[in-house]
Every structure is written in C-alpha cells, then in structure tokens.
Amino acid sequence: MTTSGPARPAGRYGDRGGRPRPVMVAALVVLVAAFGGWVLWAALGAATPDVRSDLVAFRIVDAGSVRARIEVSADAHRPVTCTLQAQDRNHEPVGVARTTLPAGSDATRRATVVVRTRALAVTAVIIGCRRGPPPG
C-alpha cells in the first residue's frame, strides 16, 4: 500500500511549466554575447597599449641622484612624456623626474634621465609614459 500526502494546490510552490520562454532565452543569449564582446574588447585594448616603455638600466650615482636609461616605443610623430621615480629600500619614493622624448622618425626612442633624490635610492622605476607633452 502506498500512501501519498495530499496533492499540492496548483500554482503554488513554483509549479510552472518546465521550459523557459523563447524570448527569455534569446534575451539571455544576447546579454551573454554582449558581455563577452565587451570583455574581449577590453582585454585587447589593454594588451596593446599606445606607448610601451622599458627601464633598460639604472645606476645609483650618489646619495642625491640616480641615472636611468629608458627605451620607449610609440607613434614616431608625437612626443612622449615619461615619469620616473627613485625609491629607497622601503620602496618609498625619494625622487621623481619627468622627461619628454621628442617626436622623430623612429618609433623606438632612448633617453638617459637623471633623477634627483632627497635620500639614498636603491632602485628606479618608470611610473608611466603617455603620448604628448607634459601637462601644465
């Protein structure tokens, strides 16, 4: 003998049709495709920056300065402004320098930058480079 409980009232407890509506499925597909397209666009944009910069070498000259050599690849017809920072052993900034590499015929440009420091630095880093002259 099988005993079953009383039948649940129709329309309660989420008793609806088992298949989603085609309009809802289409809307979900469009949203997922739009999100995937945006992620791809954002990833490709971040992967190919307008300006690429490398710190080729640096040398601690004395307690008051660091000499850094940088290499920048960007549009040859526009100047590029780079900001460098000298840091102490605790990674605190002890000096900052900005340099502008003029437009020229070659997309890859090199420069030597002297960063004046207020204390002994142990490293130099490129904070960033951007196209155009310095602001201000």
N, C-alpha and C. Protein backbone atom coordinates (compact mmCIF):
# COMPACT_ATOMS: atom_id res chain seq x y z
N MET A 1 0.82 -1.17 0.00
CA MET A 1 0.00 0.00 0.00
C MET A 1 0.87 1.24 0.00
N THR A 2 0.59 2.10 -0.88
CA THR A 2 1.33 3.34 -0.99
C THR A 2 0.49 4.46 -0.43
N THR A 3 1.15 5.23 0.36
CA THR A 3 0.44 6.39 0.88
C THR A 3 1.12 7.61 0.35
N SER A 4 0.38 8.47 -0.15
CA SER A 4 0.93 9.74 -0.61
C SER A 4 0.18 10.84 0.10
N GLY A 5 0.85 11.93 0.30
CA GLY A 5 0.24 13.05 1.01
C GLY A 5 -0.79 13.72 0.13
N PRO A 6 -1.42 14.71 0.68
CA PRO A 6 -2.43 15.42 -0.10
C PRO A 6 -1.78 16.13 -1.29
N ALA A 7 -2.50 16.26 -2.35
CA ALA A 7 -2.00 16.93 -3.55
C ALA A 7 -1.77 18.41 -3.27
N ARG A 8 -0.66 18.94 -3.84
CA ARG A 8 -0.37 20.36 -3.63
C ARG A 8 -1.31 21.18 -4.49
N PRO A 9 -1.71 22.32 -3.98
CA PRO A 9 -2.59 23.18 -4.78
C PRO A 9 -1.86 23.66 -6.06
N ALA A 10 -2.56 23.71 -7.16
CA ALA A 10 -1.99 24.13 -8.43
C ALA A 10 -1.55 25.60 -8.35
N GLY A 11 -0.39 25.95 -8.97
CA GLY A 11 0.08 27.33 -8.99
C GLY A 11 0.91 27.72 -7.78
N ARG A 12 1.08 26.80 -6.81
CA ARG A 12 1.90 27.10 -5.64
C ARG A 12 3.25 26.41 -5.73
N TYR A 13 4.18 26.90 -4.97
CA TYR A 13 5.49 26.27 -4.81
C TYR A 13 6.27 26.18 -6.11
N GLY A 14 6.06 27.14 -7.00
CA GLY A 14 6.85 27.17 -8.23
C GLY A 14 6.44 26.14 -9.24
N ASP A 15 5.24 25.64 -9.17
CA ASP A 15 4.77 24.68 -10.16
C ASP A 15 4.40 25.41 -11.44
N ARG A 16 5.38 25.60 -12.27
CA ARG A 16 5.14 26.23 -13.57
C ARG A 16 5.64 25.29 -14.63
N GLY A 17 5.47 25.69 -15.87
CA GLY A 17 5.95 24.87 -16.97
C GLY A 17 7.44 24.62 -16.84
N GLY A 18 7.93 23.50 -17.33
CA GLY A 18 9.33 23.14 -17.18
C GLY A 18 10.27 23.83 -18.15
N ARG A 19 9.80 24.45 -19.19
CA ARG A 19 10.68 25.05 -20.18
C ARG A 19 10.59 26.57 -20.12
N PRO A 20 11.76 27.22 -20.21
CA PRO A 20 11.73 28.69 -20.23
C PRO A 20 11.17 29.21 -21.55
N ARG A 21 10.69 30.38 -21.51
CA ARG A 21 10.12 31.00 -22.72
C ARG A 21 11.23 31.35 -23.70
N PRO A 22 10.96 31.20 -25.01
CA PRO A 22 11.98 31.50 -26.02
C PRO A 22 12.47 32.95 -25.96
N VAL A 23 11.62 33.89 -25.60
CA VAL A 23 12.03 35.30 -25.52
C VAL A 23 13.06 35.47 -24.41
N MET A 24 12.89 34.79 -23.30
CA MET A 24 13.85 34.89 -22.19
C MET A 24 15.20 34.28 -22.58
N VAL A 25 15.15 33.15 -23.29
CA VAL A 25 16.39 32.51 -23.74
C VAL A 25 17.12 33.42 -24.72
N ALA A 26 16.41 34.01 -25.64
CA ALA A 26 17.04 34.92 -26.61
C ALA A 26 17.65 36.13 -25.92
N ALA A 27 16.93 36.69 -24.95
CA ALA A 27 17.46 37.85 -24.21
C ALA A 27 18.72 37.47 -23.45
N LEU A 28 18.75 36.29 -22.85
CA LEU A 28 19.93 35.85 -22.11
C LEU A 28 21.12 35.64 -23.05
N VAL A 29 20.87 35.07 -24.22
CA VAL A 29 21.94 34.86 -25.19
C VAL A 29 22.52 36.20 -25.65
N VAL A 30 21.66 37.18 -25.90
CA VAL A 30 22.13 38.50 -26.33
C VAL A 30 22.96 39.15 -25.23
N LEU A 31 22.53 39.06 -23.98
CA LEU A 31 23.29 39.65 -22.87
C LEU A 31 24.65 38.99 -22.70
N VAL A 32 24.69 37.66 -22.76
CA VAL A 32 25.96 36.95 -22.62
C VAL A 32 26.90 37.30 -23.77
N ALA A 33 26.39 37.39 -24.99
CA ALA A 33 27.22 37.75 -26.14
C ALA A 33 27.75 39.17 -26.01
N ALA A 34 26.92 40.09 -25.55
CA ALA A 34 27.36 41.48 -25.37
C ALA A 34 28.44 41.56 -24.30
N PHE A 35 28.26 40.85 -23.21
CA PHE A 35 29.27 40.86 -22.14
C PHE A 35 30.58 40.24 -22.64
N GLY A 36 30.49 39.13 -23.36
CA GLY A 36 31.70 38.50 -23.91
C GLY A 36 32.42 39.42 -24.89
N GLY A 37 31.67 40.14 -25.71
CA GLY A 37 32.29 41.09 -26.64
C GLY A 37 32.98 42.22 -25.92
N TRP A 38 32.36 42.70 -24.86
CA TRP A 38 32.98 43.78 -24.09
C TRP A 38 34.27 43.31 -23.42
N VAL A 39 34.26 42.10 -22.85
CA VAL A 39 35.47 41.55 -22.21
C VAL A 39 36.59 41.41 -23.24
N LEU A 40 36.27 40.92 -24.42
CA LEU A 40 37.28 40.77 -25.47
C LEU A 40 37.84 42.13 -25.90
N TRP A 41 36.97 43.11 -26.08
CA TRP A 41 37.40 44.46 -26.46
C TRP A 41 38.30 45.06 -25.39
N ALA A 42 37.93 44.92 -24.12
CA ALA A 42 38.73 45.48 -23.03
C ALA A 42 40.08 44.77 -22.92
N ALA A 43 40.11 43.46 -23.09
CA ALA A 43 41.36 42.71 -23.00
C ALA A 43 42.31 43.07 -24.13
N LEU A 44 41.80 43.19 -25.34
CA LEU A 44 42.66 43.55 -26.46
C LEU A 44 43.17 44.98 -26.35
N GLY A 45 42.36 45.87 -25.84
CA GLY A 45 42.80 47.25 -25.64
C GLY A 45 43.90 47.36 -24.61
N ALA A 46 43.82 46.58 -23.56
CA ALA A 46 44.85 46.60 -22.52
C ALA A 46 46.11 45.88 -22.97
N ALA A 47 45.98 44.94 -23.88
CA ALA A 47 47.13 44.17 -24.34
C ALA A 47 47.98 44.92 -25.35
N THR A 48 47.42 45.93 -25.98
CA THR A 48 48.17 46.68 -26.98
C THR A 48 48.15 48.17 -26.63
N PRO A 49 48.97 48.56 -25.66
CA PRO A 49 48.99 49.97 -25.28
C PRO A 49 49.59 50.85 -26.38
N ASP A 50 49.24 52.14 -26.33
CA ASP A 50 49.77 53.09 -27.32
C ASP A 50 51.26 53.34 -27.11
N VAL A 51 51.70 53.26 -25.85
CA VAL A 51 53.09 53.55 -25.50
C VAL A 51 53.63 52.38 -24.67
N ARG A 52 54.79 51.89 -25.08
CA ARG A 52 55.46 50.84 -24.31
C ARG A 52 56.79 51.40 -23.82
N SER A 53 57.10 51.15 -22.57
CA SER A 53 58.34 51.67 -22.02
C SER A 53 59.08 50.60 -21.23
N ASP A 54 60.39 50.66 -21.27
CA ASP A 54 61.24 49.74 -20.53
C ASP A 54 62.35 50.51 -19.86
N LEU A 55 62.64 50.12 -18.62
CA LEU A 55 63.80 50.64 -17.91
C LEU A 55 64.95 49.71 -18.29
N VAL A 56 65.86 50.21 -19.11
CA VAL A 56 66.96 49.39 -19.62
C VAL A 56 68.01 49.17 -18.54
N ALA A 57 68.35 50.24 -17.83
CA ALA A 57 69.36 50.16 -16.78
C ALA A 57 69.24 51.37 -15.87
N PHE A 58 69.77 51.22 -14.66
CA PHE A 58 69.88 52.38 -13.78
C PHE A 58 71.16 52.24 -12.97
N ARG A 59 71.64 53.39 -12.50
CA ARG A 59 72.86 53.42 -11.71
C ARG A 59 72.69 54.44 -10.61
N ILE A 60 72.98 54.02 -9.38
CA ILE A 60 72.95 54.94 -8.25
C ILE A 60 74.24 55.75 -8.32
N VAL A 61 74.13 57.02 -8.62
CA VAL A 61 75.32 57.87 -8.78
C VAL A 61 75.87 58.23 -7.41
N ASP A 62 75.02 58.73 -6.54
CA ASP A 62 75.39 59.07 -5.17
C ASP A 62 74.10 59.19 -4.36
N ALA A 63 74.19 59.71 -3.14
CA ALA A 63 73.01 59.83 -2.27
C ALA A 63 72.01 60.84 -2.81
N GLY A 64 72.38 61.60 -3.81
CA GLY A 64 71.49 62.64 -4.33
C GLY A 64 70.99 62.44 -5.74
N SER A 65 71.37 61.33 -6.39
CA SER A 65 70.89 61.15 -7.77
C SER A 65 71.00 59.71 -8.25
N VAL A 66 70.14 59.42 -9.21
CA VAL A 66 70.12 58.12 -9.89
C VAL A 66 70.08 58.42 -11.39
N ARG A 67 70.85 57.68 -12.17
CA ARG A 67 70.83 57.83 -13.62
C ARG A 67 70.15 56.60 -14.20
N ALA A 68 69.10 56.83 -15.02
CA ALA A 68 68.34 55.72 -15.60
C ALA A 68 68.31 55.84 -17.11
N ARG A 69 68.42 54.70 -17.78
CA ARG A 69 68.27 54.65 -19.24
C ARG A 69 66.95 53.99 -19.54
N ILE A 70 66.15 54.64 -20.40
CA ILE A 70 64.85 54.11 -20.76
C ILE A 70 64.74 53.95 -22.26
N GLU A 71 63.84 53.05 -22.67
CA GLU A 71 63.54 52.85 -24.08
C GLU A 71 62.02 52.89 -24.22
N VAL A 72 61.54 53.72 -25.15
CA VAL A 72 60.10 53.93 -25.32
C VAL A 72 59.73 53.66 -26.77
N SER A 73 58.65 52.88 -26.96
CA SER A 73 58.12 52.62 -28.30
C SER A 73 56.73 53.24 -28.39
N ALA A 74 56.55 54.12 -29.36
CA ALA A 74 55.26 54.81 -29.53
C ALA A 74 55.22 55.40 -30.93
N ASP A 75 54.13 56.08 -31.24
CA ASP A 75 53.97 56.76 -32.51
C ASP A 75 55.15 57.71 -32.72
N ALA A 76 55.85 57.56 -33.82
CA ALA A 76 57.06 58.36 -34.06
C ALA A 76 56.75 59.83 -34.25
N HIS A 77 55.54 60.17 -34.63
CA HIS A 77 55.21 61.55 -34.97
C HIS A 77 54.71 62.38 -33.79
N ARG A 78 54.69 61.80 -32.62
CA ARG A 78 54.21 62.52 -31.43
C ARG A 78 55.22 62.39 -30.31
N PRO A 79 55.42 63.46 -29.52
CA PRO A 79 56.32 63.35 -28.38
C PRO A 79 55.72 62.43 -27.31
N VAL A 80 56.58 61.91 -26.46
CA VAL A 80 56.16 61.03 -25.36
C VAL A 80 56.75 61.59 -24.07
N THR A 81 55.92 61.67 -23.03
CA THR A 81 56.37 62.14 -21.72
C THR A 81 56.37 60.97 -20.75
N CYS A 82 57.50 60.75 -20.08
CA CYS A 82 57.64 59.66 -19.12
C CYS A 82 57.97 60.22 -17.74
N THR A 83 57.45 59.56 -16.73
CA THR A 83 57.73 59.92 -15.34
C THR A 83 58.48 58.76 -14.69
N LEU A 84 59.63 59.07 -14.11
CA LEU A 84 60.44 58.08 -13.42
C LEU A 84 60.48 58.40 -11.94
N GLN A 85 60.67 57.36 -11.14
CA GLN A 85 60.71 57.54 -9.69
C GLN A 85 61.89 56.75 -9.13
N ALA A 86 62.61 57.38 -8.21
CA ALA A 86 63.66 56.70 -7.47
C ALA A 86 63.07 56.29 -6.11
N GLN A 87 63.40 55.07 -5.67
CA GLN A 87 62.83 54.56 -4.42
C GLN A 87 63.93 54.12 -3.48
N ASP A 88 63.64 54.26 -2.17
CA ASP A 88 64.60 53.80 -1.17
C ASP A 88 64.37 52.31 -0.88
N ARG A 89 65.07 51.78 0.11
CA ARG A 89 64.98 50.33 0.38
C ARG A 89 63.62 49.89 0.88
N ASN A 90 62.78 50.83 1.32
CA ASN A 90 61.42 50.51 1.76
C ASN A 90 60.39 50.76 0.66
N HIS A 91 60.87 50.97 -0.55
CA HIS A 91 60.02 51.27 -1.73
C HIS A 91 59.29 52.60 -1.60
N GLU A 92 59.79 53.49 -0.79
CA GLU A 92 59.23 54.83 -0.66
C GLU A 92 59.89 55.73 -1.70
N PRO A 93 59.13 56.60 -2.35
CA PRO A 93 59.74 57.50 -3.34
C PRO A 93 60.64 58.52 -2.67
N VAL A 94 61.83 58.66 -3.23
CA VAL A 94 62.77 59.67 -2.73
C VAL A 94 63.14 60.68 -3.82
N GLY A 95 62.59 60.47 -5.02
CA GLY A 95 62.83 61.41 -6.10
C GLY A 95 61.97 61.08 -7.31
N VAL A 96 61.59 62.13 -8.04
CA VAL A 96 60.76 61.96 -9.22
C VAL A 96 61.32 62.86 -10.32
N ALA A 97 61.32 62.34 -11.55
CA ALA A 97 61.75 63.15 -12.69
C ALA A 97 60.82 62.87 -13.87
N ARG A 98 60.59 63.88 -14.65
CA ARG A 98 59.75 63.76 -15.85
C ARG A 98 60.61 64.19 -17.04
N THR A 99 60.50 63.41 -18.12
CA THR A 99 61.24 63.74 -19.32
C THR A 99 60.34 63.59 -20.53
N THR A 100 60.58 64.41 -21.53
CA THR A 100 59.81 64.34 -22.77
C THR A 100 60.74 63.95 -23.90
N LEU A 101 60.39 62.88 -24.58
CA LEU A 101 61.15 62.43 -25.73
C LEU A 101 60.48 63.02 -26.96
N PRO A 102 61.19 63.80 -27.74
CA PRO A 102 60.57 64.50 -28.88
C PRO A 102 60.15 63.53 -29.98
N ALA A 103 59.26 64.00 -30.82
CA ALA A 103 58.85 63.24 -32.00
C ALA A 103 60.05 63.10 -32.92
N GLY A 104 60.06 62.05 -33.69
CA GLY A 104 61.17 61.84 -34.60
C GLY A 104 60.77 60.91 -35.72
N SER A 105 61.76 60.28 -36.32
CA SER A 105 61.49 59.38 -37.43
C SER A 105 61.41 57.93 -36.99
N ASP A 106 61.87 57.63 -35.79
CA ASP A 106 61.90 56.26 -35.30
C ASP A 106 60.87 56.07 -34.18
N ALA A 107 60.14 54.98 -34.21
CA ALA A 107 59.12 54.72 -33.19
C ALA A 107 59.75 54.37 -31.85
N THR A 108 60.96 53.82 -31.86
CA THR A 108 61.65 53.48 -30.62
C THR A 108 62.66 54.56 -30.30
N ARG A 109 62.51 55.14 -29.12
CA ARG A 109 63.41 56.21 -28.69
C ARG A 109 64.07 55.84 -27.38
N ARG A 110 65.28 56.32 -27.17
CA ARG A 110 66.04 56.04 -25.96
C ARG A 110 66.43 57.35 -25.30
N ALA A 111 66.51 57.31 -23.98
CA ALA A 111 66.90 58.52 -23.25
C ALA A 111 67.58 58.12 -21.95
N THR A 112 68.44 59.01 -21.48
CA THR A 112 69.04 58.86 -20.16
C THR A 112 68.47 59.98 -19.29
N VAL A 113 67.95 59.60 -18.13
CA VAL A 113 67.28 60.55 -17.25
C VAL A 113 67.98 60.52 -15.90
N VAL A 114 68.26 61.71 -15.36
CA VAL A 114 68.83 61.82 -14.02
C VAL A 114 67.71 62.20 -13.07
N VAL A 115 67.53 61.37 -12.04
CA VAL A 115 66.50 61.62 -11.03
C VAL A 115 67.21 62.12 -9.78
N ARG A 116 66.92 63.36 -9.39
CA ARG A 116 67.49 63.92 -8.17
C ARG A 116 66.75 63.34 -6.97
N THR A 117 67.47 62.97 -5.93
CA THR A 117 66.85 62.32 -4.77
C THR A 117 67.14 63.09 -3.49
N ARG A 118 66.25 62.93 -2.50
CA ARG A 118 66.44 63.58 -1.20
C ARG A 118 67.13 62.65 -0.20
N ALA A 119 67.26 61.36 -0.58
CA ALA A 119 67.94 60.36 0.25
C ALA A 119 68.51 59.30 -0.69
N LEU A 120 69.26 58.38 -0.13
CA LEU A 120 69.86 57.33 -0.94
C LEU A 120 68.78 56.43 -1.53
N ALA A 121 68.83 56.28 -2.84
CA ALA A 121 67.88 55.41 -3.54
C ALA A 121 68.54 54.06 -3.80
N VAL A 122 67.70 53.02 -3.93
CA VAL A 122 68.23 51.70 -4.26
C VAL A 122 67.68 51.18 -5.59
N THR A 123 66.67 51.85 -6.12
CA THR A 123 66.11 51.41 -7.39
C THR A 123 65.45 52.58 -8.12
N ALA A 124 65.17 52.36 -9.38
CA ALA A 124 64.44 53.33 -10.19
C ALA A 124 63.35 52.58 -10.94
N VAL A 125 62.21 53.21 -11.10
CA VAL A 125 61.09 52.60 -11.82
C VAL A 125 60.45 53.63 -12.74
N ILE A 126 59.83 53.15 -13.80
CA ILE A 126 59.05 54.03 -14.67
C ILE A 126 57.63 54.01 -14.13
N ILE A 127 57.14 55.17 -13.74
CA ILE A 127 55.77 55.27 -13.24
C ILE A 127 54.79 55.18 -14.41
N GLY A 128 55.14 55.79 -15.52
CA GLY A 128 54.28 55.72 -16.69
C GLY A 128 54.76 56.62 -17.80
N CYS A 129 54.31 56.32 -19.00
CA CYS A 129 54.61 57.12 -20.16
C CYS A 129 53.31 57.36 -20.92
N ARG A 130 53.19 58.53 -21.50
CA ARG A 130 51.98 58.84 -22.27
C ARG A 130 52.37 59.70 -23.46
N ARG A 131 51.52 59.66 -24.48
CA ARG A 131 51.78 60.46 -25.67
C ARG A 131 51.50 61.92 -25.36
N GLY A 132 52.29 62.76 -25.98
CA GLY A 132 52.07 64.19 -25.85
C GLY A 132 53.05 64.85 -24.88
N PRO A 133 53.05 66.17 -24.87
CA PRO A 133 53.92 66.91 -23.96
C PRO A 133 53.37 66.81 -22.54
N PRO A 134 54.18 67.19 -21.54
CA PRO A 134 53.71 67.13 -20.16
C PRO A 134 52.55 68.07 -19.93
N PRO A 135 51.64 67.70 -19.02
CA PRO A 135 50.51 68.59 -18.72
C PRO A 135 50.97 69.84 -18.02
N GLY A 136 50.21 70.86 -18.17
CA GLY A 136 50.51 72.08 -17.42
C GLY A 136 51.11 73.10 -18.27
